């Protein structure tokens, strides 16, 4: 019986620590890497994406984000993108749903607007540091046949206190 009570207390402590990470007023910062042919868009071959993201929990479990990304493409022009987003954390378990809209600049004559959605998981290594794998879909509004596509991204996040 004593062992069961100790296990219950340990579980409650971990739940409370996890809950504290997704509370209103907490800042967030992350860096991510994707590409390496882990995405699918019909018009693109090998590419590498480097991204930075900052966020702020406007409400419990709801984070407003800003993202900056650089994409190197082997077969075409490199691009920069910037845009806002939002994340919703599902019941403190680390799984999140995200949505965003990025302005993409590919060359001097090509700009695009790309809304997207994400599904990811924040795996806590300690109280503030996470590894965040996610799958995403981005929809090009200008040339959807060539630049829209699915992908996989891995990030490192810091949930500040």
Foldseek 3Di string as FASTA:
>chain_A
DVVVVVVVVVVVVVLVLLQVLQAAFWKKKKKKKWFPPQKDAPQADGKIKIKIKIWGRNHRQKIKMKMWMWMDGPPAFTKIKIWIKMWGDPPSQFWIKMKIKIWMDRDPPDIWIKIKIKIWGFDDPDSFKTKIKMKMWIATPPCRNGPTIIGIMIMIMGTGD
